[in-house]
PDB file of N, CA and C in Angstrom:
ATOM      1  N   MET A   1      -1.660 143.206  22.424  1.00  0.00           N
ATOM      2  CA  MET A   1      -2.145 142.409  22.029  1.00  0.00           C
ATOM      3  C   MET A   1      -3.461 142.354  22.871  1.00  0.00           C
ATOM      4  N   LEU A   2      -4.707 142.846  22.280  1.00  0.00           N
ATOM      5  CA  LEU A   2      -6.019 142.869  23.290  1.00  0.00           C
ATOM      6  C   LEU A   2      -7.391 141.793  22.259  1.00  0.00           C
ATOM      7  N   VAL A   3      -7.620 141.793  24.232  1.00  0.00           N
ATOM      8  CA  VAL A   3      -8.103 140.113  22.847  1.00  0.00           C
ATOM      9  C   VAL A   3      -9.481 140.120  23.453  1.00  0.00           C
ATOM     10  N   HIS A   4     -10.653 139.898  22.565  1.00  0.00           N
ATOM     11  CA  HIS A   4     -12.231 139.803  22.900  1.00  0.00           C
ATOM     12  C   HIS A   4     -12.367 138.625  23.088  1.00  0.00           C
ATOM     13  N   VAL A   5     -12.949 138.249  24.879  1.00  0.00           N
ATOM     14  CA  VAL A   5     -12.858 136.766  25.127  1.00  0.00           C
ATOM     15  C   VAL A   5     -14.520 136.307  25.383  1.00  0.00           C
ATOM     16  N   GLY A   6     -15.499 137.581  24.742  1.00  0.00           N
ATOM     17  CA  GLY A   6     -16.773 137.179  25.560  1.00  0.00           C
ATOM     18  C   GLY A   6     -17.068 136.678  26.795  1.00  0.00           C
ATOM     19  N   GLU A   7     -17.634 136.120  27.391  1.00  0.00           N
ATOM     20  CA  GLU A   7     -18.021 135.940  28.502  1.00  0.00           C
ATOM     21  C   GLU A   7     -17.516 134.991  29.916  1.00  0.00           C
ATOM     22  N   ASP A   8     -16.277 134.209  28.642  1.00  0.00           N
ATOM     23  CA  ASP A   8     -15.395 132.848  29.316  1.00  0.00           C
ATOM     24  C   ASP A   8     -13.971 133.195  29.231  1.00  0.00           C
ATOM     25  N   ILE A   9     -13.598 133.641  30.183  1.00  0.00           N
ATOM     26  CA  ILE A   9     -12.423 133.680  30.695  1.00  0.00           C
ATOM     27  C   ILE A   9     -11.194 132.457  30.954  1.00  0.00           C
ATOM     28  N   LEU A  10     -11.845 132.249  31.489  1.00  0.00           N
ATOM     29  CA  LEU A  10     -11.207 130.614  31.995  1.00  0.00           C
ATOM     30  C   LEU A  10     -10.775 130.100  30.395  1.00  0.00           C
ATOM     31  N   LYS A  11     -11.897 129.727  29.650  1.00  0.00           N
ATOM     32  CA  LYS A  11     -11.438 129.015  28.766  1.00  0.00           C
ATOM     33  C   LYS A  11     -10.559 129.780  27.640  1.00  0.00           C
ATOM     34  N   LEU A  12     -10.613 131.069  27.921  1.00  0.00           N
ATOM     35  CA  LEU A  12      -9.449 131.728  26.696  1.00  0.00           C
ATOM     36  C   LEU A  12      -8.000 131.219  27.434  1.00  0.00           C
ATOM     37  N   LEU A  13      -8.063 131.319  29.185  1.00  0.00           N
ATOM     38  CA  LEU A  13      -7.011 130.862  29.552  1.00  0.00           C
ATOM     39  C   LEU A  13      -6.110 129.690  29.345  1.00  0.00           C
ATOM     40  N   ASP A  14      -7.115 128.815  29.478  1.00  0.00           N
ATOM     41  CA  ASP A  14      -6.706 127.253  29.241  1.00  0.00           C
ATOM     42  C   ASP A  14      -6.313 127.102  27.799  1.00  0.00           C
ATOM     43  N   ARG A  15      -6.911 128.097  26.951  1.00  0.00           N
ATOM     44  CA  ARG A  15      -6.501 128.344  25.711  1.00  0.00           C
ATOM     45  C   ARG A  15      -4.910 128.319  25.423  1.00  0.00           C
ATOM     46  N   ILE A  16      -5.019 129.628  26.098  1.00  0.00           N
ATOM     47  CA  ILE A  16      -3.305 130.268  26.058  1.00  0.00           C
ATOM     48  C   ILE A  16      -2.616 129.311  26.540  1.00  0.00           C
ATOM     49  N   THR A  17      -2.529 128.591  27.539  1.00  0.00           N
ATOM     50  CA  THR A  17      -1.876 127.624  28.512  1.00  0.00           C
ATOM     51  C   THR A  17      -1.293 126.511  27.231  1.00  0.00           C
ATOM     52  N   LEU A  18      -2.358 126.455  26.550  1.00  0.00           N
ATOM     53  CA  LEU A  18      -1.990 125.356  25.349  1.00  0.00           C
ATOM     54  C   LEU A  18      -0.839 125.931  24.302  1.00  0.00           C
ATOM     55  N   TYR A  19      -1.367 126.573  24.339  1.00  0.00           N
ATOM     56  CA  TYR A  19      -0.601 127.649  22.833  1.00  0.00           C
ATOM     57  C   TYR A  19       0.954 127.766  23.337  1.00  0.00           C
ATOM     58  N   ASN A  20       1.245 128.310  24.852  1.00  0.00           N
ATOM     59  CA  ASN A  20       2.496 128.578  25.458  1.00  0.00           C
ATOM     60  C   ASN A  20       2.979 126.985  25.189  1.00  0.00           C
ATOM     61  N   ARG A  21       1.866 126.053  25.380  1.00  0.00           N
ATOM     62  CA  ARG A  21       3.001 124.796  25.512  1.00  0.00           C
ATOM     63  C   ARG A  21       3.816 124.388  24.035  1.00  0.00           C
ATOM     64  N   LEU A  22       2.503 124.431  22.994  1.00  0.00           N
ATOM     65  CA  LEU A  22       3.525 124.271  21.815  1.00  0.00           C
ATOM     66  C   LEU A  22       4.026 125.304  21.077  1.00  0.00           C
ATOM     67  N   PHE A  23       3.868 126.641  21.732  1.00  0.00           N
ATOM     68  CA  PHE A  23       5.039 127.733  20.774  1.00  0.00           C
ATOM     69  C   PHE A  23       5.650 128.663  22.011  1.00  0.00           C
ATOM     70  N   PRO A  24       6.725 127.958  22.861  1.00  0.00           N
ATOM     71  CA  PRO A  24       7.288 128.527  23.912  1.00  0.00           C
ATOM     72  C   PRO A  24       8.065 129.646  23.572  1.00  0.00           C
ATOM     73  N   GLU A  25       8.541 129.820  21.983  1.00  0.00           N
ATOM     74  CA  GLU A  25       9.418 130.814  22.049  1.00  0.00           C
ATOM     75  C   GLU A  25       8.916 132.111  21.727  1.00  0.00           C
ATOM     76  N   VAL A  26       7.362 131.947  21.404  1.00  0.00           N
ATOM     77  CA  VAL A  26       6.403 133.477  21.292  1.00  0.00           C
ATOM     78  C   VAL A  26       5.335 133.527  21.970  1.00  0.00           C
ATOM     79  N   ALA A  27       6.129 132.830  23.344  1.00  0.00           N
ATOM     80  CA  ALA A  27       4.703 132.595  24.251  1.00  0.00           C
ATOM     81  C   ALA A  27       4.129 133.989  24.908  1.00  0.00           C
ATOM     82  N   LEU A  28       3.014 134.022  25.090  1.00  0.00           N
ATOM     83  CA  LEU A  28       1.728 135.117  25.267  1.00  0.00           C
ATOM     84  C   LEU A  28       2.095 135.354  26.833  1.00  0.00           C
ATOM     85  N   ARG A  29       2.305 136.324  27.409  1.00  0.00           N
ATOM     86  CA  ARG A  29       1.704 136.615  28.755  1.00  0.00           C
ATOM     87  C   ARG A  29       0.982 137.908  29.426  1.00  0.00           C
ATOM     88  N   LEU A  30      -0.249 137.360  30.025  1.00  0.00           N
ATOM     89  CA  LEU A  30      -1.035 138.310  30.424  1.00  0.00           C
ATOM     90  C   LEU A  30      -0.282 139.346  30.868  1.00  0.00           C
ATOM     91  N   VAL A  31      -0.445 140.595  30.730  1.00  0.00           N
ATOM     92  CA  VAL A  31       0.048 141.679  31.334  1.00  0.00           C
ATOM     93  C   VAL A  31      -1.050 142.456  32.156  1.00  0.00           C
ATOM     94  N   GLY A  32      -2.508 142.677  32.099  1.00  0.00           N
ATOM     95  CA  GLY A  32      -3.224 142.824  32.593  1.00  0.00           C
ATOM     96  C   GLY A  32      -4.668 143.185  31.504  1.00  0.00           C
ATOM     97  N   PHE A  33      -5.131 143.920  32.268  1.00  0.00           N
ATOM     98  CA  PHE A  33      -6.940 143.926  31.687  1.00  0.00           C
ATOM     99  C   PHE A  33      -6.818 145.565  31.290  1.00  0.00           C
ATOM    100  N   HIS A  34      -8.087 145.793  30.180  1.00  0.00           N
ATOM    101  CA  HIS A  34      -8.256 146.858  29.887  1.00  0.00           C
ATOM    102  C   HIS A  34      -9.803 147.199  29.511  1.00  0.00           C
ATOM    103  N   VAL A  35     -10.255 147.962  30.664  1.00  0.00           N
ATOM    104  CA  VAL A  35     -11.415 148.000  31.129  1.00  0.00           C
ATOM    105  C   VAL A  35     -12.643 149.049  29.897  1.00  0.00           C
ATOM    106  N   MET A  36     -13.375 148.615  29.349  1.00  0.00           N
ATOM    107  CA  MET A  36     -14.192 149.622  28.022  1.00  0.00           C
ATOM    108  C   MET A  36     -15.487 149.503  28.406  1.00  0.00           C
ATOM    109  N   GLY A  37     -15.649 150.475  29.638  1.00  0.00           N
ATOM    110  CA  GLY A  37     -17.043 150.964  29.716  1.00  0.00           C
ATOM    111  C   GLY A  37     -17.617 150.127  30.837  1.00  0.00           C
ATOM    112  N   ALA A  38     -18.822 150.027  31.707  1.00  0.00           N
ATOM    113  CA  ALA A  38     -18.846 149.486  33.133  1.00  0.00           C
ATOM    114  C   ALA A  38     -18.967 147.887  33.131  1.00  0.00           C
ATOM    115  N   GLU A  39     -18.921 147.214  31.651  1.00  0.00           N
ATOM    116  CA  GLU A  39     -19.269 145.702  32.004  1.00  0.00           C
ATOM    117  C   GLU A  39     -18.455 145.055  31.175  1.00  0.00           C
ATOM    118  N   ASN A  40     -17.578 145.902  30.576  1.00  0.00           N
ATOM    119  CA  ASN A  40     -16.411 145.074  29.448  1.00  0.00           C
ATOM    120  C   ASN A  40     -14.801 145.400  30.217  1.00  0.00           C
ATOM    121  N   ALA A  41     -14.396 143.993  30.144  1.00  0.00           N
ATOM    122  CA  ALA A  41     -12.597 144.036  30.543  1.00  0.00           C
ATOM    123  C   ALA A  41     -12.309 143.118  29.624  1.00  0.00           C
ATOM    124  N   TYR A  42     -11.125 143.808  28.666  1.00  0.00           N
ATOM    125  CA  TYR A  42     -10.458 142.608  27.652  1.00  0.00           C
ATOM    126  C   TYR A  42      -8.906 142.492  28.374  1.00  0.00           C
ATOM    127  N   PRO A  43      -8.688 141.105  28.531  1.00  0.00           N
ATOM    128  CA  PRO A  43      -7.273 140.807  28.584  1.00  0.00           C
ATOM    129  C   PRO A  43      -6.627 141.289  27.883  1.00  0.00           C
ATOM    130  N   VAL A  44      -4.683 141.717  28.505  1.00  0.00           N
ATOM    131  CA  VAL A  44      -4.071 142.275  27.265  1.00  0.00           C
ATOM    132  C   VAL A  44      -2.752 141.588  27.458  1.00  0.00           C
ATOM    133  N   PHE A  45      -2.386 140.993  25.870  1.00  0.00           N
ATOM    134  CA  PHE A  45      -1.386 139.902  26.137  1.00  0.00           C
ATOM    135  C   PHE A  45       0.008 140.444  25.531  1.00  0.00           C
ATOM    136  N   SER A  46       1.064 139.948  25.947  1.00  0.00           N
ATOM    137  CA  SER A  46       2.488 140.451  24.848  1.00  0.00           C
ATOM    138  C   SER A  46       3.067 139.282  24.857  1.00  0.00           C
ATOM    139  N   GLN A  47       3.800 139.145  23.696  1.00  0.00           N
ATOM    140  CA  GLN A  47       4.323 138.431  23.451  1.00  0.00           C
ATOM    141  C   GLN A  47       6.279 138.527  22.716  1.00  0.00           C
ATOM    142  N   PRO A  48       6.901 138.150  22.610  1.00  0.00           N
ATOM    143  CA  PRO A  48       8.513 138.940  22.367  1.00  0.00           C
ATOM    144  C   PRO A  48       8.133 139.353  20.841  1.00  0.00           C
ATOM    145  N   PHE A  49       9.182 140.221  20.626  1.00  0.00           N
ATOM    146  CA  PHE A  49       9.317 140.793  19.544  1.00  0.00           C
ATOM    147  C   PHE A  49      10.487 140.221  18.565  1.00  0.00           C
ATOM    148  N   ILE A  50       9.677 139.864  17.259  1.00  0.00           N
ATOM    149  CA  ILE A  50      10.651 139.045  16.308  1.00  0.00           C
ATOM    150  C   ILE A  50      11.490 140.236  15.553  1.00  0.00           C
ATOM    151  N   ASP A  51      12.501 140.267  15.774  1.00  0.00           N
ATOM    152  CA  ASP A  51      13.330 141.067  14.591  1.00  0.00           C
ATOM    153  C   ASP A  51      13.307 140.666  13.603  1.00  0.00           C
ATOM    154  N   GLY A  52      12.915 141.501  12.239  1.00  0.00           N
ATOM    155  CA  GLY A  52      13.491 141.374  10.876  1.00  0.00           C
ATOM    156  C   GLY A  52      12.513 140.287  10.206  1.00  0.00           C
ATOM    157  N   ALA A  53      11.387 139.931  10.952  1.00  0.00           N
ATOM    158  CA  ALA A  53      10.363 138.741  10.276  1.00  0.00           C
ATOM    159  C   ALA A  53       9.410 139.312   9.388  1.00  0.00           C
ATOM    160  N   ARG A  54       8.975 138.256   8.291  1.00  0.00           N
ATOM    161  CA  ARG A  54       8.001 138.619   7.645  1.00  0.00           C
ATOM    162  C   ARG A  54       6.889 137.557   7.861  1.00  0.00           C
ATOM    163  N   PHE A  55       5.973 137.784   6.867  1.00  0.00           N
ATOM    164  CA  PHE A  55       4.854 136.664   7.415  1.00  0.00           C
ATOM    165  C   PHE A  55       5.293 135.487   6.324  1.00  0.00           C
ATOM    166  N   ALA A  56       4.931 134.353   6.593  1.00  0.00           N
ATOM    167  CA  ALA A  56       5.387 133.366   6.350  1.00  0.00           C
ATOM    168  C   ALA A  56       4.358 133.164   5.103  1.00  0.00           C
ATOM    169  N   THR A  57       4.972 132.165   4.404  1.00  0.00           N
ATOM    170  CA  THR A  57       4.055 131.708   2.982  1.00  0.00           C
ATOM    171  C   THR A  57       3.123 130.351   3.253  1.00  0.00           C
ATOM    172  N   GLU A  58       2.188 130.336   2.413  1.00  0.00           N
ATOM    173  CA  GLU A  58       1.266 128.800   2.753  1.00  0.00           C
ATOM    174  C   GLU A  58       2.299 127.596   2.877  1.00  0.00           C
ATOM    175  N   GLU A  59       3.306 127.654   1.659  1.00  0.00           N
ATOM    176  CA  GLU A  59       3.911 126.857   1.579  1.00  0.00           C
ATOM    177  C   GLU A  59       5.090 126.377   3.158  1.00  0.00           C
ATOM    178  N   GLU A  60       5.310 127.371   3.488  1.00  0.00           N
ATOM    179  CA  GLU A  60       6.198 127.623   4.590  1.00  0.00           C
ATOM    180  C   GLU A  60       5.844 127.098   5.926  1.00  0.00           C
ATOM    181  N   ILE A  61       4.835 127.478   5.879  1.00  0.00           N
ATOM    182  CA  ILE A  61       3.443 127.004   6.833  1.00  0.00           C
ATOM    183  C   ILE A  61       3.327 125.586   6.931  1.00  0.00           C
ATOM    184  N   ALA A  62       2.969 125.101   5.878  1.00  0.00           N
ATOM    185  CA  ALA A  62       2.569 123.163   5.466  1.00  0.00           C
ATOM    186  C   ALA A  62       4.053 122.793   5.441  1.00  0.00           C
ATOM    187  N   LEU A  63       5.442 123.098   5.373  1.00  0.00           N
ATOM    188  CA  LEU A  63       6.528 122.509   5.894  1.00  0.00           C
ATOM    189  C   LEU A  63       6.669 122.777   6.990  1.00  0.00           C
ATOM    190  N   TYR A  64       6.644 123.779   7.737  1.00  0.00           N
ATOM    191  CA  TYR A  64       6.658 123.718   9.299  1.00  0.00           C
ATOM    192  C   TYR A  64       5.653 122.859   9.744  1.00  0.00           C
ATOM    193  N   MET A  65       4.469 122.446   9.769  1.00  0.00           N
ATOM    194  CA  MET A  65       3.514 122.179  10.651  1.00  0.00           C
ATOM    195  C   MET A  65       4.242 120.632  10.382  1.00  0.00           C
ATOM    196  N   GLN A  66       4.258 120.108   9.298  1.00  0.00           N
ATOM    197  CA  GLN A  66       4.706 118.798   8.667  1.00  0.00           C
ATOM    198  C   GLN A  66       5.969 118.586   9.883  1.00  0.00           C
ATOM    199  N   SER A  67       6.392 119.114   9.871  1.00  0.00           N
ATOM    200  CA  SER A  67       8.065 118.830  10.716  1.00  0.00           C
ATOM    201  C   SER A  67       7.603 118.949  12.305  1.00  0.00           C
ATOM    202  N   ARG A  68       6.365 119.401  12.922  1.00  0.00           N
ATOM    203  CA  ARG A  68       6.039 119.696  13.929  1.00  0.00           C
ATOM    204  C   ARG A  68       4.948 118.451  14.154  1.00  0.00           C
ATOM    205  N   ARG A  69       4.850 117.352  13.083  1.00  0.00           N
ATOM    206  CA  ARG A  69       3.957 116.227  13.058  1.00  0.00           C
ATOM    207  C   ARG A  69       2.371 116.784  12.747  1.00  0.00           C
ATOM    208  N   PHE A  70       1.904 117.850  12.605  1.00  0.00           N
ATOM    209  CA  PHE A  70       0.960 118.417  12.218  1.00  0.00           C
ATOM    210  C   PHE A  70       0.490 117.938  10.969  1.00  0.00           C
ATOM    211  N   TYR A  71      -0.982 117.693  10.403  1.00  0.00           N
ATOM    212  CA  TYR A  71      -1.385 117.755   9.364  1.00  0.00           C
ATOM    213  C   TYR A  71      -2.579 118.882   9.384  1.00  0.00           C
ATOM    214  N   SER A  72      -2.647 118.809   8.269  1.00  0.00           N
ATOM    215  CA  SER A  72      -4.317 120.000   7.881  1.00  0.00           C
ATOM    216  C   SER A  72      -5.502 118.609   7.564  1.00  0.00           C
ATOM    217  N   THR A  73      -6.500 119.560   8.639  1.00  0.00           N
ATOM    218  CA  THR A  73      -7.629 118.997   8.210  1.00  0.00           C
ATOM    219  C   THR A  73      -8.112 118.974   6.876  1.00  0.00           C
ATOM    220  N   GLY A  74      -7.830 119.806   5.954  1.00  0.00           N
ATOM    221  CA  GLY A  74      -8.585 119.831   4.542  1.00  0.00           C
ATOM    222  C   GLY A  74      -9.337 121.523   4.932  1.00  0.00           C
ATOM    223  N   GLU A  75      -9.683 121.485   6.638  1.00  0.00           N
ATOM    224  CA  GLU A  75      -9.875 122.852   6.332  1.00  0.00           C
ATOM    225  C   GLU A  75      -9.339 124.270   6.284  1.00  0.00           C
ATOM    226  N   ASP A  76      -9.494 125.602   5.789  1.00  0.00           N
ATOM    227  CA  ASP A  76      -8.592 126.431   5.323  1.00  0.00           C
ATOM    228  C   ASP A  76      -7.699 126.806   6.603  1.00  0.00           C
ATOM    229  N   GLY A  77      -6.482 126.803   7.215  1.00  0.00           N
ATOM    230  CA  GLY A  77      -5.599 127.391   8.171  1.00  0.00           C
ATOM    231  C   GLY A  77      -5.957 126.234   9.262  1.00  0.00           C
ATOM    232  N   VAL A  78      -6.476 124.821   9.484  1.00  0.00           N
ATOM    233  CA  VAL A  78      -6.953 124.238  10.586  1.00  0.00           C
ATOM    234  C   VAL A  78      -5.977 122.763  10.275  1.00  0.00           C
ATOM    235  N   PHE A  79      -5.072 122.524  11.851  1.00  0.00           N
ATOM    236  CA  PHE A  79      -3.863 121.443  11.823  1.00  0.00           C
ATOM    237  C   PHE A  79      -4.230 120.590  12.779  1.00  0.00           C
ATOM    238  N   THR A  80      -3.889 119.663  12.620  1.00  0.00           N
ATOM    239  CA  THR A  80      -4.174 118.615  13.804  1.00  0.00           C
ATOM    240  C   THR A  80      -2.997 117.618  13.881  1.00  0.00           C
ATOM    241  N   ASP A  81      -2.616 117.246  15.151  1.00  0.00           N
ATOM    242  CA  ASP A  81      -1.671 115.998  15.585  1.00  0.00           C
ATOM    243  C   ASP A  81      -2.433 115.190  15.758  1.00  0.00           C
ATOM    244  N   GLY A  82      -3.719 114.851  16.442  1.00  0.00           N
ATOM    245  CA  GLY A  82      -4.620 114.159  16.715  1.00  0.00           C
ATOM    246  C   GLY A  82      -4.780 113.862  18.519  1.00  0.00           C
ATOM    247  N   THR A  83      -3.886 115.071  18.988  1.00  0.00           N
ATOM    248  CA  THR A  83      -3.940 115.763  20.316  1.00  0.00           C
ATOM    249  C   THR A  83      -4.315 117.062  20.517  1.00  0.00           C
ATOM    250  N   TYR A  84      -4.078 117.884  19.613  1.00  0.00           N
ATOM    251  CA  TYR A  84      -4.393 119.504  19.549  1.00  0.00           C
ATOM    252  C   TYR A  84      -4.920 119.322  18.353  1.00  0.00           C
ATOM    253  N   LEU A  85      -6.004 120.869  17.941  1.00  0.00           N
ATOM    254  CA  LEU A  85      -6.529 121.334  17.117  1.00  0.00           C
ATOM    255  C   LEU A  85      -5.934 123.015  17.051  1.00  0.00           C
ATOM    256  N   LEU A  86      -5.183 122.770  15.903  1.00  0.00           N
ATOM    257  CA  LEU A  86      -4.529 124.482  15.543  1.00  0.00           C
ATOM    258  C   LEU A  86      -5.830 125.178  14.619  1.00  0.00           C
ATOM    259  N   LYS A  87      -6.396 125.979  15.064  1.00  0.00           N
ATOM    260  CA  LYS A  87      -7.300 126.678  14.086  1.00  0.00           C
ATOM    261  C   LYS A  87      -6.259 128.324  13.525  1.00  0.00           C
ATOM    262  N   ASP A  88      -6.504 128.854  12.554  1.00  0.00           N
ATOM    263  CA  ASP A  88      -6.415 130.286  12.146  1.00  0.00           C
ATOM    264  C   ASP A  88      -4.740 130.168  11.920  1.00  0.00           C
ATOM    265  N   ILE A  89      -4.194 129.017  11.440  1.00  0.00           N
ATOM    266  CA  ILE A  89      -2.684 129.019  11.293  1.00  0.00           C
ATOM    267  C   ILE A  89      -2.751 129.512   9.604  1.00  0.00           C
ATOM    268  N   LYS A  90      -2.420 130.707   9.546  1.00  0.00           N
ATOM    269  CA  LYS A  90      -2.267 131.566   8.110  1.00  0.00           C
ATOM    270  C   LYS A  90      -0.966 132.583   8.291  1.00  0.00           C
ATOM    271  N   PRO A  91      -1.335 132.639   7.104  1.00  0.00           N
ATOM    272  CA  PRO A  91       0.412 133.725   6.657  1.00  0.00           C
ATOM    273  C   PRO A  91       0.058 134.802   7.771  1.00  0.00           C
ATOM    274  N   LYS A  92      -1.038 135.663   7.976  1.00  0.00           N
ATOM    275  CA  LYS A  92      -1.618 136.482   8.571  1.00  0.00           C
ATOM    276  C   LYS A  92      -0.954 136.385  10.139  1.00  0.00           C
ATOM    277  N   ASN A  93      -0.416 135.402  10.513  1.00  0.00           N
ATOM    278  CA  ASN A  93      -0.792 134.593  12.088  1.00  0.00           C
ATOM    279  C   ASN A  93       0.579 133.980  12.546  1.00  0.00           C
ATOM    280  N   VAL A  94       1.240 133.999  10.881  1.00  0.00           N
ATOM    281  CA  VAL A  94       2.485 133.091  10.908  1.00  0.00           C
ATOM    282  C   VAL A  94       3.742 134.014  10.967  1.00  0.00           C
ATOM    283  N   LEU A  95       4.539 134.016  11.051  1.00  0.00           N
ATOM    284  CA  LEU A  95       5.983 134.561  10.567  1.00  0.00           C
ATOM    285  C   LEU A  95       7.089 133.687  10.431  1.00  0.00           C
ATOM    286  N   ALA A  96       8.082 134.657   9.536  1.00  0.00           N
ATOM    287  CA  ALA A  96       9.462 133.861   9.108  1.00  0.00           C
ATOM    288  C   ALA A  96      10.153 134.615   9.211  1.00  0.00           C
ATOM    289  N   SER A  97      11.515 133.665   9.419  1.00  0.00           N
ATOM    290  CA  SER A  97      12.393 135.009   9.785  1.00  0.00           C
ATOM    291  C   SER A  97      13.208 134.939   8.257  1.00  0.00           C
ATOM    292  N   GLU A  98      13.721 136.388   8.470  1.00  0.00           N
ATOM    293  CA  GLU A  98      14.286 137.351   6.869  1.00  0.00           C
ATOM    294  C   GLU A  98      14.533 135.752   5.935  1.00  0.00           C
ATOM    295  N   ASN A  99      15.756 134.706   6.381  1.00  0.00           N
ATOM    296  CA  ASN A  99      15.768 133.820   5.816  1.00  0.00           C
ATOM    297  C   ASN A  99      14.991 132.831   5.546  1.00  0.00           C
ATOM    298  N   GLY A 100      13.634 132.860   6.078  1.00  0.00           N
ATOM    299  CA  GLY A 100      12.869 131.741   6.468  1.00  0.00           C
ATOM    300  C   GLY A 100      13.261 130.476   6.961  1.00  0.00           C
ATOM    301  N   LEU A 101      14.251 130.018   7.551  1.00  0.00           N
ATOM    302  CA  LEU A 101      15.198 129.244   8.051  1.00  0.00           C
ATOM    303  C   LEU A 101      13.860 128.819   9.731  1.00  0.00           C
ATOM    304  N   ALA A 102      13.580 130.196  10.237  1.00  0.00           N
ATOM    305  CA  ALA A 102      12.682 129.968  11.442  1.00  0.00           C
ATOM    306  C   ALA A 102      11.373 130.266  11.212  1.00  0.00           C
ATOM    307  N   ILE A 103      10.317 129.585  11.700  1.00  0.00           N
ATOM    308  CA  ILE A 103       9.404 130.093  11.621  1.00  0.00           C
ATOM    309  C   ILE A 103       8.262 130.360  13.212  1.00  0.00           C
ATOM    310  N   PHE A 104       7.582 131.370  13.309  1.00  0.00           N
ATOM    311  CA  PHE A 104       7.066 131.392  14.485  1.00  0.00           C
ATOM    312  C   PHE A 104       5.428 131.478  14.300  1.00  0.00           C
ATOM    313  N   VAL A 105       4.906 130.956  15.102  1.00  0.00           N
ATOM    314  CA  VAL A 105       3.087 130.857  14.944  1.00  0.00           C
ATOM    315  C   VAL A 105       2.941 131.698  16.556  1.00  0.00           C
ATOM    316  N   ILE A 106       2.474 132.945  15.611  1.00  0.00           N
ATOM    317  CA  ILE A 106       2.051 134.247  16.608  1.00  0.00           C
ATOM    318  C   ILE A 106       0.419 134.740  16.941  1.00  0.00           C
ATOM    319  N   ASP A 107      -0.179 133.698  16.140  1.00  0.00           N
ATOM    320  CA  ASP A 107      -1.714 133.675  16.617  1.00  0.00           C
ATOM    321  C   ASP A 107      -2.510 132.797  16.261  1.00  0.00           C
ATOM    322  N   ALA A 108      -2.680 131.858  17.191  1.00  0.00           N
ATOM    323  CA  ALA A 108      -3.464 130.764  16.710  1.00  0.00           C
ATOM    324  C   ALA A 108      -4.591 130.140  17.916  1.00  0.00           C
ATOM    325  N   ASP A 109      -5.663 129.712  17.233  1.00  0.00           N
ATOM    326  CA  ASP A 109      -6.870 129.118  18.506  1.00  0.00           C
ATOM    327  C   ASP A 109      -5.978 127.508  18.607  1.00  0.00           C
ATOM    328  N   VAL A 110      -5.831 127.077  19.738  1.00  0.00           N
ATOM    329  CA  VAL A 110      -5.820 125.897  20.128  1.00  0.00           C
ATOM    330  C   VAL A 110      -6.615 125.239  21.232  1.00  0.00           C
ATOM    331  N   PHE A 111      -6.625 123.975  20.554  1.00  0.00           N
ATOM    332  CA  PHE A 111      -7.859 123.358  21.449  1.00  0.00           C
ATOM    333  C   PHE A 111      -7.114 122.013  21.473  1.00  0.00           C
ATOM    334  N   LEU A 112      -7.861 121.050  22.446  1.00  0.00           N
ATOM    335  CA  LEU A 112      -7.826 119.454  22.669  1.00  0.00           C
ATOM    336  C   LEU A 112      -8.576 119.066  21.771  1.00  0.00           C
ATOM    337  N   VAL A 113      -8.103 117.914  21.284  1.00  0.00           N
ATOM    338  CA  VAL A 113      -9.330 117.094  20.505  1.00  0.00           C
ATOM    339  C   VAL A 113      -9.827 115.939  21.440  1.00  0.00           C
TER     340      VAL A 113
END
């Protein structure tokens, strides 16, 4: 996973730490940097492969987030528990096991409230 971070990599690393705290089963691991041109370096992350997964449905995501005590803010794909604010929790960023019993948030922006 190649990530564009703009100019503040420390903020990105803080968000990755928060993400890994909430979703350790699919934790992101910094594996290096990819240099593009004289002034652009992008961090490269990896995370575990989820065999047989499919994109989760909106309903599966809502139930999973409720089970984790997160509620929707009313904004599309945004959830909070009062401590964390999670953005981009949408089917393109959430996987489900084949039987739908396991949910994996593979990409999310995580912030402290």
